[in-house]
């Protein structure tokens, strides 16, 4: 039984999966949009939204929690200063996954994950 086992394994062990998600979330916050496989995009979507929610909280404990996950200090500063301010009036749904089709070489499903622009 697979009760209370949330998240996809992505054919990796726990440390490799955590490192992959850390890198993907850091690059998403840096560039605003990244292209990856659909499974990785769906797996990192909830983690990225949790990081933006930490940025919106804005206290010292939230900053330390974000620093323990996001790879670079300057991205944490940008998250807490600019990205969190952009989503101050939004209650969740900070990212969007757009399907692109299949990759030519191995037919993996490719997607773009991006930060939703506030209008």
C-alpha atoms as a PDB file:
ATOM      1  CA  UNK A   1       0.000   0.000   0.000  1.00  0.00           C
ATOM      2  CA  UNK A   2       1.181   3.502  -0.807  1.00  0.00           C
ATOM      3  CA  UNK A   3      -0.751   5.402   1.829  1.00  0.00           C
ATOM      4  CA  UNK A   4       0.684   8.748   3.016  1.00  0.00           C
ATOM      5  CA  UNK A   5       3.490   8.730   0.443  1.00  0.00           C
ATOM      6  CA  UNK A   6       3.133  12.062  -1.322  1.00  0.00           C
ATOM      7  CA  UNK A   7       5.163  13.131  -4.342  1.00  0.00           C
ATOM      8  CA  UNK A   8       6.672  11.421  -7.358  1.00  0.00           C
ATOM      9  CA  UNK A   9       9.915   9.464  -7.138  1.00  0.00           C
ATOM     10  CA  UNK A  10      11.165  10.495 -10.616  1.00  0.00           C
ATOM     11  CA  UNK A  11      13.342   7.323 -10.770  1.00  0.00           C
ATOM     12  CA  UNK A  12      15.818   8.806  -8.286  1.00  0.00           C
ATOM     13  CA  UNK A  13      16.776   8.212  -4.686  1.00  0.00           C
ATOM     14  CA  UNK A  14      15.803  10.755  -2.033  1.00  0.00           C
ATOM     15  CA  UNK A  15      18.985  12.854  -2.046  1.00  0.00           C
ATOM     16  CA  UNK A  16      19.144  13.033  -5.840  1.00  0.00           C
ATOM     17  CA  UNK A  17      15.456  13.968  -6.046  1.00  0.00           C
ATOM     18  CA  UNK A  18      15.890  16.725  -3.449  1.00  0.00           C
ATOM     19  CA  UNK A  19      18.928  18.097  -5.286  1.00  0.00           C
ATOM     20  CA  UNK A  20      17.013  18.055  -8.577  1.00  0.00           C
ATOM     21  CA  UNK A  21      14.049  19.924  -7.098  1.00  0.00           C
ATOM     22  CA  UNK A  22      16.343  22.458  -5.404  1.00  0.00           C
ATOM     23  CA  UNK A  23      18.079  23.216  -8.703  1.00  0.00           C
ATOM     24  CA  UNK A  24      14.830  23.438 -10.659  1.00  0.00           C
ATOM     25  CA  UNK A  25      13.167  25.782  -8.154  1.00  0.00           C
ATOM     26  CA  UNK A  26      16.250  28.009  -7.988  1.00  0.00           C
ATOM     27  CA  UNK A  27      16.381  28.325 -11.775  1.00  0.00           C
ATOM     28  CA  UNK A  28      12.640  28.953 -12.000  1.00  0.00           C
ATOM     29  CA  UNK A  29      12.957  31.845  -9.562  1.00  0.00           C
ATOM     30  CA  UNK A  30      16.013  33.157 -11.409  1.00  0.00           C
ATOM     31  CA  UNK A  31      14.599  33.044 -14.949  1.00  0.00           C
ATOM     32  CA  UNK A  32      10.829  33.093 -14.380  1.00  0.00           C
ATOM     33  CA  UNK A  33      10.310  30.267 -16.890  1.00  0.00           C
ATOM     34  CA  UNK A  34      12.079  26.975 -17.553  1.00  0.00           C
ATOM     35  CA  UNK A  35      11.604  24.101 -19.975  1.00  0.00           C
ATOM     36  CA  UNK A  36      11.733  20.573 -18.558  1.00  0.00           C
ATOM     37  CA  UNK A  37       9.881  17.275 -18.674  1.00  0.00           C
ATOM     38  CA  UNK A  38       6.239  17.223 -17.668  1.00  0.00           C
ATOM     39  CA  UNK A  39       6.831  14.924 -14.679  1.00  0.00           C
ATOM     40  CA  UNK A  40       9.577  17.164 -13.276  1.00  0.00           C
ATOM     41  CA  UNK A  41       7.470  20.284 -13.834  1.00  0.00           C
ATOM     42  CA  UNK A  42       4.514  18.800 -11.977  1.00  0.00           C
ATOM     43  CA  UNK A  43       6.743  17.584  -9.153  1.00  0.00           C
ATOM     44  CA  UNK A  44       8.429  20.954  -8.674  1.00  0.00           C
ATOM     45  CA  UNK A  45       5.258  23.037  -8.958  1.00  0.00           C
ATOM     46  CA  UNK A  46       4.155  22.471  -5.373  1.00  0.00           C
ATOM     47  CA  UNK A  47       7.669  23.084  -4.032  1.00  0.00           C
ATOM     48  CA  UNK A  48       7.990  26.356  -5.949  1.00  0.00           C
ATOM     49  CA  UNK A  49       4.626  27.544  -4.661  1.00  0.00           C
ATOM     50  CA  UNK A  50       5.667  26.728  -1.093  1.00  0.00           C
ATOM     51  CA  UNK A  51       8.816  28.831  -1.534  1.00  0.00           C
ATOM     52  CA  UNK A  52       6.790  31.805  -2.797  1.00  0.00           C
ATOM     53  CA  UNK A  53       4.438  31.405   0.172  1.00  0.00           C
ATOM     54  CA  UNK A  54       7.473  31.536   2.475  1.00  0.00           C
ATOM     55  CA  UNK A  55       8.514  34.736   0.705  1.00  0.00           C
ATOM     56  CA  UNK A  56       5.095  36.226   1.302  1.00  0.00           C
ATOM     57  CA  UNK A  57       5.306  35.384   5.010  1.00  0.00           C
ATOM     58  CA  UNK A  58       8.493  37.396   5.145  1.00  0.00           C
ATOM     59  CA  UNK A  59       9.672  36.708   8.707  1.00  0.00           C
ATOM     60  CA  UNK A  60      13.114  35.511   9.752  1.00  0.00           C
ATOM     61  CA  UNK A  61      12.083  31.886  10.195  1.00  0.00           C
ATOM     62  CA  UNK A  62      10.584  31.775   6.691  1.00  0.00           C
ATOM     63  CA  UNK A  63      13.784  33.313   5.277  1.00  0.00           C
ATOM     64  CA  UNK A  64      15.900  30.644   6.984  1.00  0.00           C
ATOM     65  CA  UNK A  65      13.618  27.888   5.706  1.00  0.00           C
ATOM     66  CA  UNK A  66      13.948  29.252   2.161  1.00  0.00           C
ATOM     67  CA  UNK A  67      17.733  29.516   2.548  1.00  0.00           C
ATOM     68  CA  UNK A  68      17.860  25.853   3.519  1.00  0.00           C
ATOM     69  CA  UNK A  69      16.227  24.881   0.202  1.00  0.00           C
ATOM     70  CA  UNK A  70      17.094  27.489  -2.449  1.00  0.00           C
ATOM     71  CA  UNK A  71      20.648  27.270  -3.763  1.00  0.00           C
ATOM     72  CA  UNK A  72      21.755  30.927  -3.750  1.00  0.00           C
ATOM     73  CA  UNK A  73      21.412  33.713  -1.218  1.00  0.00           C
ATOM     74  CA  UNK A  74      20.768  36.374  -3.843  1.00  0.00           C
ATOM     75  CA  UNK A  75      17.786  34.411  -5.159  1.00  0.00           C
ATOM     76  CA  UNK A  76      16.345  34.258  -1.629  1.00  0.00           C
ATOM     77  CA  UNK A  77      16.739  38.032  -1.348  1.00  0.00           C
ATOM     78  CA  UNK A  78      15.004  38.487  -4.701  1.00  0.00           C
ATOM     79  CA  UNK A  79      12.246  36.072  -3.648  1.00  0.00           C
ATOM     80  CA  UNK A  80      11.521  37.958  -0.436  1.00  0.00           C
ATOM     81  CA  UNK A  81      11.875  41.451  -1.936  1.00  0.00           C
ATOM     82  CA  UNK A  82      10.434  41.392  -5.462  1.00  0.00           C
ATOM     83  CA  UNK A  83       8.712  38.075  -6.224  1.00  0.00           C
ATOM     84  CA  UNK A  84       6.734  37.951  -2.971  1.00  0.00           C
ATOM     85  CA  UNK A  85       5.633  41.562  -3.416  1.00  0.00           C
ATOM     86  CA  UNK A  86       4.348  40.714  -6.901  1.00  0.00           C
ATOM     87  CA  UNK A  87       2.024  38.034  -5.475  1.00  0.00           C
ATOM     88  CA  UNK A  88       0.955  39.861  -2.301  1.00  0.00           C
ATOM     89  CA  UNK A  89      -2.739  39.907  -3.280  1.00  0.00           C
ATOM     90  CA  UNK A  90      -2.814  36.407  -4.795  1.00  0.00           C
ATOM     91  CA  UNK A  91      -3.813  33.328  -2.788  1.00  0.00           C
ATOM     92  CA  UNK A  92      -1.867  30.500  -4.422  1.00  0.00           C
ATOM     93  CA  UNK A  93      -1.546  29.560  -8.067  1.00  0.00           C
ATOM     94  CA  UNK A  94       1.780  31.312  -8.627  1.00  0.00           C
ATOM     95  CA  UNK A  95       3.000  28.918 -11.328  1.00  0.00           C
ATOM     96  CA  UNK A  96       1.596  27.509 -14.547  1.00  0.00           C
ATOM     97  CA  UNK A  97       2.561  24.371 -16.483  1.00  0.00           C
ATOM     98  CA  UNK A  98       2.171  24.488 -20.269  1.00  0.00           C
ATOM     99  CA  UNK A  99       2.526  21.247 -22.242  1.00  0.00           C
ATOM    100  CA  UNK A 100       4.697  21.447 -25.370  1.00  0.00           C
ATOM    101  CA  UNK A 101       4.483  17.952 -26.829  1.00  0.00           C
ATOM    102  CA  UNK A 102       7.075  15.200 -27.062  1.00  0.00           C
ATOM    103  CA  UNK A 103      10.848  15.456 -27.269  1.00  0.00           C
ATOM    104  CA  UNK A 104      12.349  14.219 -30.526  1.00  0.00           C
ATOM    105  CA  UNK A 105      14.976  11.867 -29.099  1.00  0.00           C
ATOM    106  CA  UNK A 106      13.175   9.842 -26.452  1.00  0.00           C
ATOM    107  CA  UNK A 107       9.542  10.963 -26.831  1.00  0.00           C
ATOM    108  CA  UNK A 108       9.453  12.366 -23.291  1.00  0.00           C
ATOM    109  CA  UNK A 109       6.635  14.829 -22.655  1.00  0.00           C
ATOM    110  CA  UNK A 110       8.061  18.353 -22.447  1.00  0.00           C
ATOM    111  CA  UNK A 111       6.512  21.293 -20.603  1.00  0.00           C
ATOM    112  CA  UNK A 112       7.237  24.887 -19.689  1.00  0.00           C
ATOM    113  CA  UNK A 113       6.742  25.911 -16.082  1.00  0.00           C
ATOM    114  CA  UNK A 114       6.544  29.640 -15.505  1.00  0.00           C
ATOM    115  CA  UNK A 115       5.634  32.169 -12.876  1.00  0.00           C
ATOM    116  CA  UNK A 116       2.205  33.675 -13.487  1.00  0.00           C
ATOM    117  CA  UNK A 117       2.403  37.376 -14.272  1.00  0.00           C
ATOM    118  CA  UNK A 118       0.158  39.567 -12.134  1.00  0.00           C
ATOM    119  CA  UNK A 119      -1.938  41.988 -14.222  1.00  0.00           C
END
